[in-house]
């Protein structure tokens, strides 16, 4: 599983387990050298000791012992600094596997947990102990020889962990109240899966609707109902996020970035960025490099 993209130094991570869908890690070093890192996965991190200072999508964040942090793919991390005694436990899942878990486990998540850049919640001592217990059990089971019941046990542990995190991160936003197997929920989650894994996210509402085998009108209605945003707004937010990250790389020209994101030419890319940010791509590059 591809977990990060970085234009600078990459941290050293100690893995308890790793396959194409799931990664468990219990230590990380060299994090003070992290800058301009883009995560390519869904991550849940429990801070066990010390503290971590990071900037996420240009917002400063301080994480301390007892905090549970979760982020979605394509989040951009800068200016990472940790204390000498820093220690954490991390659950890392591929986007495809995460969406599959949400559907298989009937997780009735609200939009903020599925699509927002990150969420943080400080835990009680009992909650810290509980999350640590899930990590230890999953690490042991994933590293044991497999038998006819192993996969079932692992799935139940992951399902229980997912429900625990859902309760911990429960926000004031209205949750999706329809049945998780309704067509609208399945379509929306498939859309998020495609959007988060799309190499060239610059697609029209009609193109995404065709991928989902529905009409653009129905697609937009689903997004508005579940996310409170139009489909075009959600797509545009993803493109701007990707553009901000790519513009940080001085080795990539604006023309190259336009092609990477799926624009027909640099002019269309420039018009899009100016319309969404009020800045030209070059001015946006200067801003993100400050």
C-alpha atoms as a PDB file:
ATOM      1  CA  UNK A   1       0.000   0.000   0.000  1.00  0.00           C
ATOM      2  CA  UNK A   2       1.321   3.424  -0.966  1.00  0.00           C
ATOM      3  CA  UNK A   3       1.049   5.445   2.239  1.00  0.00           C
ATOM      4  CA  UNK A   4       2.809   8.761   1.656  1.00  0.00           C
ATOM      5  CA  UNK A   5       4.228  11.059  -0.980  1.00  0.00           C
ATOM      6  CA  UNK A   6       6.936  13.494   0.080  1.00  0.00           C
ATOM      7  CA  UNK A   7       9.163  16.068  -1.527  1.00  0.00           C
ATOM      8  CA  UNK A   8      11.683  15.918   1.329  1.00  0.00           C
ATOM      9  CA  UNK A   9      12.840  13.391   3.908  1.00  0.00           C
ATOM     10  CA  UNK A  10      10.663  10.412   4.761  1.00  0.00           C
ATOM     11  CA  UNK A  11      10.314   9.266   8.392  1.00  0.00           C
ATOM     12  CA  UNK A  12      11.479   5.884   9.608  1.00  0.00           C
ATOM     13  CA  UNK A  13       8.484   3.834  10.733  1.00  0.00           C
ATOM     14  CA  UNK A  14       8.457   0.625  12.798  1.00  0.00           C
ATOM     15  CA  UNK A  15       5.744  -1.673  11.474  1.00  0.00           C
ATOM     16  CA  UNK A  16       3.988  -4.293  13.590  1.00  0.00           C
ATOM     17  CA  UNK A  17       2.208  -5.538  10.491  1.00  0.00           C
ATOM     18  CA  UNK A  18       1.942  -4.532   6.847  1.00  0.00           C
ATOM     19  CA  UNK A  19       0.044  -5.750   3.786  1.00  0.00           C
ATOM     20  CA  UNK A  20      -1.666  -4.060   0.828  1.00  0.00           C
ATOM     21  CA  UNK A  21      -4.721  -3.094   2.897  1.00  0.00           C
ATOM     22  CA  UNK A  22      -3.671  -2.736   6.539  1.00  0.00           C
ATOM     23  CA  UNK A  23      -0.606  -1.319   8.296  1.00  0.00           C
ATOM     24  CA  UNK A  24      -0.002  -1.230  12.029  1.00  0.00           C
ATOM     25  CA  UNK A  25       2.954   0.744  13.371  1.00  0.00           C
ATOM     26  CA  UNK A  26       4.058   1.487  16.925  1.00  0.00           C
ATOM     27  CA  UNK A  27       6.923   3.933  16.541  1.00  0.00           C
ATOM     28  CA  UNK A  28       8.159   6.631  14.207  1.00  0.00           C
ATOM     29  CA  UNK A  29      11.514   8.402  13.979  1.00  0.00           C
ATOM     30  CA  UNK A  30      12.934  11.337  12.025  1.00  0.00           C
ATOM     31  CA  UNK A  31       9.570  13.045  12.127  1.00  0.00           C
ATOM     32  CA  UNK A  32      11.250  16.402  12.795  1.00  0.00           C
ATOM     33  CA  UNK A  33      12.482  16.261   9.191  1.00  0.00           C
ATOM     34  CA  UNK A  34       9.025  15.784   7.701  1.00  0.00           C
ATOM     35  CA  UNK A  35       7.837  18.582   5.467  1.00  0.00           C
ATOM     36  CA  UNK A  36       5.479  18.607   2.527  1.00  0.00           C
ATOM     37  CA  UNK A  37       4.140  15.064   3.022  1.00  0.00           C
ATOM     38  CA  UNK A  38       0.906  13.883   1.453  1.00  0.00           C
ATOM     39  CA  UNK A  39      -0.800  10.903   3.050  1.00  0.00           C
ATOM     40  CA  UNK A  40      -2.373   8.390   0.673  1.00  0.00           C
ATOM     41  CA  UNK A  41      -4.472   6.450   3.156  1.00  0.00           C
ATOM     42  CA  UNK A  42      -6.952   6.591   6.019  1.00  0.00           C
ATOM     43  CA  UNK A  43      -5.071   6.824   9.340  1.00  0.00           C
ATOM     44  CA  UNK A  44      -6.019   6.580  13.015  1.00  0.00           C
ATOM     45  CA  UNK A  45      -3.250   7.524  15.459  1.00  0.00           C
ATOM     46  CA  UNK A  46      -3.309   7.260  19.247  1.00  0.00           C
ATOM     47  CA  UNK A  47      -0.713   9.482  20.944  1.00  0.00           C
ATOM     48  CA  UNK A  48       0.637   7.426  23.856  1.00  0.00           C
ATOM     49  CA  UNK A  49       3.380   9.734  25.157  1.00  0.00           C
ATOM     50  CA  UNK A  50       4.812  13.160  24.439  1.00  0.00           C
ATOM     51  CA  UNK A  51       3.408  15.581  21.902  1.00  0.00           C
ATOM     52  CA  UNK A  52       3.423  16.214  18.166  1.00  0.00           C
ATOM     53  CA  UNK A  53       3.184  19.577  16.389  1.00  0.00           C
ATOM     54  CA  UNK A  54       2.164  19.536  12.730  1.00  0.00           C
ATOM     55  CA  UNK A  55       0.640  21.798  10.129  1.00  0.00           C
ATOM     56  CA  UNK A  56      -2.189  20.186   8.150  1.00  0.00           C
ATOM     57  CA  UNK A  57      -3.436  21.937   5.043  1.00  0.00           C
ATOM     58  CA  UNK A  58      -1.991  25.206   6.400  1.00  0.00           C
ATOM     59  CA  UNK A  59      -3.581  24.780   9.868  1.00  0.00           C
ATOM     60  CA  UNK A  60      -1.411  24.326  12.978  1.00  0.00           C
ATOM     61  CA  UNK A  61      -2.289  21.354  15.161  1.00  0.00           C
ATOM     62  CA  UNK A  62      -0.925  20.259  18.550  1.00  0.00           C
ATOM     63  CA  UNK A  63      -1.420  16.595  19.480  1.00  0.00           C
ATOM     64  CA  UNK A  64      -0.697  15.423  23.011  1.00  0.00           C
ATOM     65  CA  UNK A  65      -0.784  12.177  24.960  1.00  0.00           C
ATOM     66  CA  UNK A  66      -4.288  10.752  25.000  1.00  0.00           C
ATOM     67  CA  UNK A  67      -5.356  12.322  21.691  1.00  0.00           C
ATOM     68  CA  UNK A  68      -6.887  10.156  18.980  1.00  0.00           C
ATOM     69  CA  UNK A  69      -6.287  11.592  15.520  1.00  0.00           C
ATOM     70  CA  UNK A  70      -7.841  10.428  12.260  1.00  0.00           C
ATOM     71  CA  UNK A  71      -7.220  11.725   8.736  1.00  0.00           C
ATOM     72  CA  UNK A  72      -8.398  10.975   5.222  1.00  0.00           C
ATOM     73  CA  UNK A  73      -6.269  10.411   2.090  1.00  0.00           C
ATOM     74  CA  UNK A  74      -4.428  13.284   0.387  1.00  0.00           C
ATOM     75  CA  UNK A  75      -4.035  15.265   3.570  1.00  0.00           C
ATOM     76  CA  UNK A  76      -0.879  17.423   3.411  1.00  0.00           C
ATOM     77  CA  UNK A  77       1.442  17.559   6.449  1.00  0.00           C
ATOM     78  CA  UNK A  78       4.115  20.202   7.040  1.00  0.00           C
ATOM     79  CA  UNK A  79       6.389  21.446   9.830  1.00  0.00           C
ATOM     80  CA  UNK A  80       6.195  18.237  11.864  1.00  0.00           C
ATOM     81  CA  UNK A  81       7.972  18.297  15.236  1.00  0.00           C
ATOM     82  CA  UNK A  82       7.775  15.770  18.062  1.00  0.00           C
ATOM     83  CA  UNK A  83       9.000  15.630  21.639  1.00  0.00           C
ATOM     84  CA  UNK A  84      11.891  13.327  22.587  1.00  0.00           C
ATOM     85  CA  UNK A  85       9.550  10.971  24.448  1.00  0.00           C
ATOM     86  CA  UNK A  86       6.981  10.794  21.631  1.00  0.00           C
ATOM     87  CA  UNK A  87       5.271   7.428  21.181  1.00  0.00           C
ATOM     88  CA  UNK A  88       2.137   6.450  19.280  1.00  0.00           C
ATOM     89  CA  UNK A  89       0.109   3.585  17.835  1.00  0.00           C
ATOM     90  CA  UNK A  90      -1.170   3.834  14.266  1.00  0.00           C
ATOM     91  CA  UNK A  91      -3.831   2.004  12.281  1.00  0.00           C
ATOM     92  CA  UNK A  92      -3.430   2.666   8.549  1.00  0.00           C
ATOM     93  CA  UNK A  93      -5.903   1.494   5.893  1.00  0.00           C
ATOM     94  CA  UNK A  94      -5.982   1.781   2.118  1.00  0.00           C
ATOM     95  CA  UNK A  95      -8.853   3.904   0.735  1.00  0.00           C
ATOM     96  CA  UNK A  96     -10.368   0.895  -1.044  1.00  0.00           C
ATOM     97  CA  UNK A  97     -10.293  -1.245   2.098  1.00  0.00           C
ATOM     98  CA  UNK A  98     -11.743   1.550   4.244  1.00  0.00           C
ATOM     99  CA  UNK A  99     -14.740   2.073   1.963  1.00  0.00           C
ATOM    100  CA  UNK A 100     -15.281  -1.691   1.881  1.00  0.00           C
ATOM    101  CA  UNK A 101     -15.271  -1.810   5.703  1.00  0.00           C
ATOM    102  CA  UNK A 102     -17.769   1.050   5.888  1.00  0.00           C
ATOM    103  CA  UNK A 103     -20.142  -0.822   3.593  1.00  0.00           C
ATOM    104  CA  UNK A 104     -19.569  -4.329   5.007  1.00  0.00           C
ATOM    105  CA  UNK A 105     -19.845  -3.227   8.646  1.00  0.00           C
ATOM    106  CA  UNK A 106     -22.865  -0.963   8.039  1.00  0.00           C
ATOM    107  CA  UNK A 107     -21.032   2.031   9.468  1.00  0.00           C
ATOM    108  CA  UNK A 108     -23.507   4.886   9.282  1.00  0.00           C
ATOM    109  CA  UNK A 109     -20.874   7.645   9.163  1.00  0.00           C
ATOM    110  CA  UNK A 110     -21.536  11.332   8.799  1.00  0.00           C
ATOM    111  CA  UNK A 111     -19.871  13.261   6.015  1.00  0.00           C
ATOM    112  CA  UNK A 112     -17.277  14.955   8.236  1.00  0.00           C
ATOM    113  CA  UNK A 113     -15.728  11.644   9.293  1.00  0.00           C
ATOM    114  CA  UNK A 114     -15.588  10.336   5.741  1.00  0.00           C
ATOM    115  CA  UNK A 115     -14.363  13.367   3.848  1.00  0.00           C
ATOM    116  CA  UNK A 116     -12.993  16.069   6.173  1.00  0.00           C
ATOM    117  CA  UNK A 117      -9.211  16.344   6.321  1.00  0.00           C
ATOM    118  CA  UNK A 118      -8.893  15.281   9.951  1.00  0.00           C
ATOM    119  CA  UNK A 119     -10.616  14.946  13.314  1.00  0.00           C
ATOM    120  CA  UNK A 120      -9.127  14.883  16.830  1.00  0.00           C
ATOM    121  CA  UNK A 121     -10.614  13.729  20.112  1.00  0.00           C
ATOM    122  CA  UNK A 122      -8.969  13.555  23.545  1.00  0.00           C
ATOM    123  CA  UNK A 123      -9.628  10.190  25.201  1.00  0.00           C
ATOM    124  CA  UNK A 124     -10.247   9.103  28.735  1.00  0.00           C
ATOM    125  CA  UNK A 125      -7.806   6.643  30.347  1.00  0.00           C
ATOM    126  CA  UNK A 126     -10.290   3.820  29.750  1.00  0.00           C
ATOM    127  CA  UNK A 127     -10.595   4.739  26.063  1.00  0.00           C
ATOM    128  CA  UNK A 128      -6.806   4.851  25.667  1.00  0.00           C
ATOM    129  CA  UNK A 129      -6.560   1.409  27.236  1.00  0.00           C
ATOM    130  CA  UNK A 130      -9.323   0.120  24.969  1.00  0.00           C
ATOM    131  CA  UNK A 131      -7.741   1.405  21.717  1.00  0.00           C
ATOM    132  CA  UNK A 132      -4.365   0.043  22.849  1.00  0.00           C
ATOM    133  CA  UNK A 133      -6.008  -3.325  23.443  1.00  0.00           C
ATOM    134  CA  UNK A 134      -7.409  -3.387  19.911  1.00  0.00           C
ATOM    135  CA  UNK A 135      -3.959  -2.589  18.527  1.00  0.00           C
ATOM    136  CA  UNK A 136      -2.308  -5.390  20.499  1.00  0.00           C
ATOM    137  CA  UNK A 137      -4.956  -7.974  19.587  1.00  0.00           C
ATOM    138  CA  UNK A 138      -4.918  -7.035  15.893  1.00  0.00           C
ATOM    139  CA  UNK A 139      -1.122  -7.085  15.793  1.00  0.00           C
ATOM    140  CA  UNK A 140      -1.023 -10.571  17.302  1.00  0.00           C
ATOM    141  CA  UNK A 141      -3.761 -12.016  15.105  1.00  0.00           C
ATOM    142  CA  UNK A 142      -2.441 -10.476  11.878  1.00  0.00           C
ATOM    143  CA  UNK A 143       1.023 -11.905  12.516  1.00  0.00           C
ATOM    144  CA  UNK A 144      -0.170 -15.400  13.495  1.00  0.00           C
ATOM    145  CA  UNK A 145      -0.405 -18.308  11.041  1.00  0.00           C
ATOM    146  CA  UNK A 146      -3.816 -18.242   9.358  1.00  0.00           C
ATOM    147  CA  UNK A 147      -6.480 -20.902   9.849  1.00  0.00           C
ATOM    148  CA  UNK A 148     -10.152 -21.199   8.923  1.00  0.00           C
ATOM    149  CA  UNK A 149     -11.245 -18.739  11.637  1.00  0.00           C
ATOM    150  CA  UNK A 150      -8.405 -16.197  11.533  1.00  0.00           C
ATOM    151  CA  UNK A 151      -9.921 -13.913   8.906  1.00  0.00           C
ATOM    152  CA  UNK A 152     -13.260 -13.945  10.695  1.00  0.00           C
ATOM    153  CA  UNK A 153     -11.611 -12.958  13.990  1.00  0.00           C
ATOM    154  CA  UNK A 154      -9.621 -10.171  12.332  1.00  0.00           C
ATOM    155  CA  UNK A 155     -12.745  -8.844  10.626  1.00  0.00           C
ATOM    156  CA  UNK A 156     -14.646  -8.806  13.916  1.00  0.00           C
ATOM    157  CA  UNK A 157     -11.794  -6.967  15.646  1.00  0.00           C
ATOM    158  CA  UNK A 158     -11.656  -4.372  12.867  1.00  0.00           C
ATOM    159  CA  UNK A 159     -15.429  -4.018  12.940  1.00  0.00           C
ATOM    160  CA  UNK A 160     -15.388  -3.424  16.700  1.00  0.00           C
ATOM    161  CA  UNK A 161     -12.537  -0.919  16.370  1.00  0.00           C
ATOM    162  CA  UNK A 162     -14.450   0.906  13.632  1.00  0.00           C
ATOM    163  CA  UNK A 163     -17.557   1.207  15.832  1.00  0.00           C
ATOM    164  CA  UNK A 164     -15.472   2.421  18.772  1.00  0.00           C
ATOM    165  CA  UNK A 165     -13.854   5.131  16.618  1.00  0.00           C
ATOM    166  CA  UNK A 166     -17.242   6.097  15.220  1.00  0.00           C
ATOM    167  CA  UNK A 167     -18.545   6.678  18.755  1.00  0.00           C
ATOM    168  CA  UNK A 168     -15.394   8.544  19.830  1.00  0.00           C
ATOM    169  CA  UNK A 169     -15.434  10.861  16.824  1.00  0.00           C
ATOM    170  CA  UNK A 170     -19.189  11.336  16.885  1.00  0.00           C
ATOM    171  CA  UNK A 171     -19.778  14.998  16.035  1.00  0.00           C
ATOM    172  CA  UNK A 172     -22.733  17.331  16.355  1.00  0.00           C
ATOM    173  CA  UNK A 173     -23.448  17.018  12.642  1.00  0.00           C
ATOM    174  CA  UNK A 174     -26.527  15.089  11.700  1.00  0.00           C
ATOM    175  CA  UNK A 175     -25.625  11.550  10.800  1.00  0.00           C
ATOM    176  CA  UNK A 176     -26.838   9.790   7.719  1.00  0.00           C
ATOM    177  CA  UNK A 177     -30.119   8.279   8.848  1.00  0.00           C
ATOM    178  CA  UNK A 178     -31.105   6.177   5.881  1.00  0.00           C
ATOM    179  CA  UNK A 179     -30.330   2.492   5.724  1.00  0.00           C
ATOM    180  CA  UNK A 180     -26.647   1.997   4.918  1.00  0.00           C
ATOM    181  CA  UNK A 181     -27.554  -0.330   2.058  1.00  0.00           C
ATOM    182  CA  UNK A 182     -29.775   2.240   0.363  1.00  0.00           C
ATOM    183  CA  UNK A 183     -28.664   3.030  -3.153  1.00  0.00           C
ATOM    184  CA  UNK A 184     -27.831   6.647  -2.310  1.00  0.00           C
ATOM    185  CA  UNK A 185     -25.358   5.667   0.423  1.00  0.00           C
ATOM    186  CA  UNK A 186     -23.656   3.082  -1.726  1.00  0.00           C
ATOM    187  CA  UNK A 187     -23.376   5.540  -4.608  1.00  0.00           C
ATOM    188  CA  UNK A 188     -21.973   8.321  -2.414  1.00  0.00           C
ATOM    189  CA  UNK A 189     -19.379   6.085  -0.782  1.00  0.00           C
ATOM    190  CA  UNK A 190     -18.337   4.743  -4.193  1.00  0.00           C
ATOM    191  CA  UNK A 191     -17.963   8.336  -5.374  1.00  0.00           C
ATOM    192  CA  UNK A 192     -15.696   9.204  -2.422  1.00  0.00           C
ATOM    193  CA  UNK A 193     -13.671   6.058  -3.095  1.00  0.00           C
ATOM    194  CA  UNK A 194     -13.175   7.026  -6.745  1.00  0.00           C
ATOM    195  CA  UNK A 195     -12.412  10.660  -5.874  1.00  0.00           C
ATOM    196  CA  UNK A 196      -9.828   9.757  -3.237  1.00  0.00           C
ATOM    197  CA  UNK A 197      -7.997   7.309  -5.507  1.00  0.00           C
ATOM    198  CA  UNK A 198      -8.344   9.134  -8.831  1.00  0.00           C
ATOM    199  CA  UNK A 199      -4.977  10.096 -10.301  1.00  0.00           C
ATOM    200  CA  UNK A 200      -6.586  12.850 -12.379  1.00  0.00           C
ATOM    201  CA  UNK A 201      -9.506  14.164 -10.288  1.00  0.00           C
ATOM    202  CA  UNK A 202     -10.523  16.867 -12.773  1.00  0.00           C
ATOM    203  CA  UNK A 203     -13.660  15.196 -14.043  1.00  0.00           C
ATOM    204  CA  UNK A 204     -17.027  16.760 -14.682  1.00  0.00           C
ATOM    205  CA  UNK A 205     -20.107  15.872 -12.669  1.00  0.00           C
ATOM    206  CA  UNK A 206     -21.359  14.041 -15.741  1.00  0.00           C
ATOM    207  CA  UNK A 207     -18.157  11.966 -16.012  1.00  0.00           C
ATOM    208  CA  UNK A 208     -18.350  10.884 -12.372  1.00  0.00           C
ATOM    209  CA  UNK A 209     -22.058  10.175 -12.763  1.00  0.00           C
ATOM    210  CA  UNK A 210     -21.311   7.928 -15.740  1.00  0.00           C
ATOM    211  CA  UNK A 211     -18.715   6.058 -13.653  1.00  0.00           C
ATOM    212  CA  UNK A 212     -21.431   5.533 -11.036  1.00  0.00           C
ATOM    213  CA  UNK A 213     -24.069   4.573 -13.637  1.00  0.00           C
ATOM    214  CA  UNK A 214     -26.525   7.299 -12.623  1.00  0.00           C
ATOM    215  CA  UNK A 215     -27.731  10.585 -14.062  1.00  0.00           C
ATOM    216  CA  UNK A 216     -25.883  13.805 -13.169  1.00  0.00           C
ATOM    217  CA  UNK A 217     -29.070  15.203 -11.623  1.00  0.00           C
ATOM    218  CA  UNK A 218     -29.484  12.209  -9.299  1.00  0.00           C
ATOM    219  CA  UNK A 219     -25.757  12.269  -8.479  1.00  0.00           C
ATOM    220  CA  UNK A 220     -25.896  15.926  -7.471  1.00  0.00           C
ATOM    221  CA  UNK A 221     -29.014  15.328  -5.383  1.00  0.00           C
ATOM    222  CA  UNK A 222     -27.274  12.527  -3.474  1.00  0.00           C
ATOM    223  CA  UNK A 223     -24.232  14.701  -2.715  1.00  0.00           C
ATOM    224  CA  UNK A 224     -26.424  17.561  -1.554  1.00  0.00           C
ATOM    225  CA  UNK A 225     -28.494  15.287   0.664  1.00  0.00           C
ATOM    226  CA  UNK A 226     -25.593  13.459   2.307  1.00  0.00           C
ATOM    227  CA  UNK A 227     -22.772  16.024   2.285  1.00  0.00           C
ATOM    228  CA  UNK A 228     -24.679  19.286   2.194  1.00  0.00           C
ATOM    229  CA  UNK A 229     -22.529  20.251  -0.792  1.00  0.00           C
ATOM    230  CA  UNK A 230     -22.959  19.927  -4.534  1.00  0.00           C
ATOM    231  CA  UNK A 231     -20.996  17.292  -6.412  1.00  0.00           C
ATOM    232  CA  UNK A 232     -19.086  19.983  -8.274  1.00  0.00           C
ATOM    233  CA  UNK A 233     -18.040  21.620  -4.988  1.00  0.00           C
ATOM    234  CA  UNK A 234     -16.723  18.342  -3.565  1.00  0.00           C
ATOM    235  CA  UNK A 235     -14.782  17.639  -6.772  1.00  0.00           C
ATOM    236  CA  UNK A 236     -13.370  21.178  -6.841  1.00  0.00           C
ATOM    237  CA  UNK A 237     -12.222  20.975  -3.219  1.00  0.00           C
ATOM    238  CA  UNK A 238     -10.279  17.810  -4.019  1.00  0.00           C
ATOM    239  CA  UNK A 239      -8.655  19.393  -7.083  1.00  0.00           C
ATOM    240  CA  UNK A 240      -7.609  22.526  -5.151  1.00  0.00           C
ATOM    241  CA  UNK A 241      -6.153  20.357  -2.368  1.00  0.00           C
ATOM    242  CA  UNK A 242      -4.118  18.400  -4.922  1.00  0.00           C
ATOM    243  CA  UNK A 243      -3.038  21.587  -6.686  1.00  0.00           C
ATOM    244  CA  UNK A 244      -1.793  23.148  -3.431  1.00  0.00           C
ATOM    245  CA  UNK A 245       0.346  20.080  -2.794  1.00  0.00           C
ATOM    246  CA  UNK A 246       1.748  19.809  -6.321  1.00  0.00           C
ATOM    247  CA  UNK A 247       2.556  23.522  -6.492  1.00  0.00           C
ATOM    248  CA  UNK A 248       4.921  23.052  -3.553  1.00  0.00           C
ATOM    249  CA  UNK A 249       7.228  21.041  -5.812  1.00  0.00           C
ATOM    250  CA  UNK A 250       9.549  23.527  -7.573  1.00  0.00           C
ATOM    251  CA  UNK A 251      10.494  20.845 -10.105  1.00  0.00           C
ATOM    252  CA  UNK A 252       6.973  20.746 -11.528  1.00  0.00           C
ATOM    253  CA  UNK A 253       5.855  23.505 -13.880  1.00  0.00           C
ATOM    254  CA  UNK A 254       2.309  24.858 -13.794  1.00  0.00           C
ATOM    255  CA  UNK A 255       1.770  23.230 -17.191  1.00  0.00           C
ATOM    256  CA  UNK A 256       2.871  19.834 -15.844  1.00  0.00           C
ATOM    257  CA  UNK A 257       0.597  20.175 -12.822  1.00  0.00           C
ATOM    258  CA  UNK A 258      -2.335  21.037 -15.073  1.00  0.00           C
ATOM    259  CA  UNK A 259      -1.733  17.822 -17.019  1.00  0.00           C
ATOM    260  CA  UNK A 260      -1.330  15.747 -13.844  1.00  0.00           C
ATOM    261  CA  UNK A 261      -4.693  16.945 -12.554  1.00  0.00           C
ATOM    262  CA  UNK A 262      -6.438  16.243 -15.853  1.00  0.00           C
ATOM    263  CA  UNK A 263      -6.883  19.723 -17.333  1.00  0.00           C
ATOM    264  CA  UNK A 264      -6.795  20.018 -21.110  1.00  0.00           C
ATOM    265  CA  UNK A 265      -4.284  22.873 -20.929  1.00  0.00           C
ATOM    266  CA  UNK A 266      -2.618  25.361 -18.601  1.00  0.00           C
ATOM    267  CA  UNK A 267      -5.141  28.085 -19.399  1.00  0.00           C
ATOM    268  CA  UNK A 268      -8.109  26.024 -18.182  1.00  0.00           C
ATOM    269  CA  UNK A 269      -6.169  25.116 -15.026  1.00  0.00           C
ATOM    270  CA  UNK A 270      -5.344  28.771 -14.375  1.00  0.00           C
ATOM    271  CA  UNK A 271      -8.970  29.832 -14.802  1.00  0.00           C
ATOM    272  CA  UNK A 272     -10.127  27.093 -12.436  1.00  0.00           C
ATOM    273  CA  UNK A 273      -7.622  28.008  -9.713  1.00  0.00           C
ATOM    274  CA  UNK A 274      -8.386  31.732  -9.969  1.00  0.00           C
ATOM    275  CA  UNK A 275     -12.124  31.035  -9.749  1.00  0.00           C
ATOM    276  CA  UNK A 276     -11.732  28.829  -6.660  1.00  0.00           C
ATOM    277  CA  UNK A 277      -8.965  30.630  -4.766  1.00  0.00           C
ATOM    278  CA  UNK A 278      -8.834  34.141  -6.173  1.00  0.00           C
ATOM    279  CA  UNK A 279      -5.178  33.567  -7.081  1.00  0.00           C
ATOM    280  CA  UNK A 280      -3.331  32.526 -10.198  1.00  0.00           C
ATOM    281  CA  UNK A 281      -1.460  29.192  -9.984  1.00  0.00           C
ATOM    282  CA  UNK A 282       1.824  31.094  -9.719  1.00  0.00           C
ATOM    283  CA  UNK A 283       0.506  33.320  -6.930  1.00  0.00           C
ATOM    284  CA  UNK A 284      -0.915  30.276  -5.160  1.00  0.00           C
ATOM    285  CA  UNK A 285       2.494  28.610  -5.469  1.00  0.00           C
ATOM    286  CA  UNK A 286       4.139  31.644  -3.861  1.00  0.00           C
ATOM    287  CA  UNK A 287       1.591  31.538  -1.052  1.00  0.00           C
ATOM    288  CA  UNK A 288       1.970  27.829  -0.244  1.00  0.00           C
ATOM    289  CA  UNK A 289       5.765  28.126  -0.328  1.00  0.00           C
ATOM    290  CA  UNK A 290       5.777  30.925   2.249  1.00  0.00           C
END
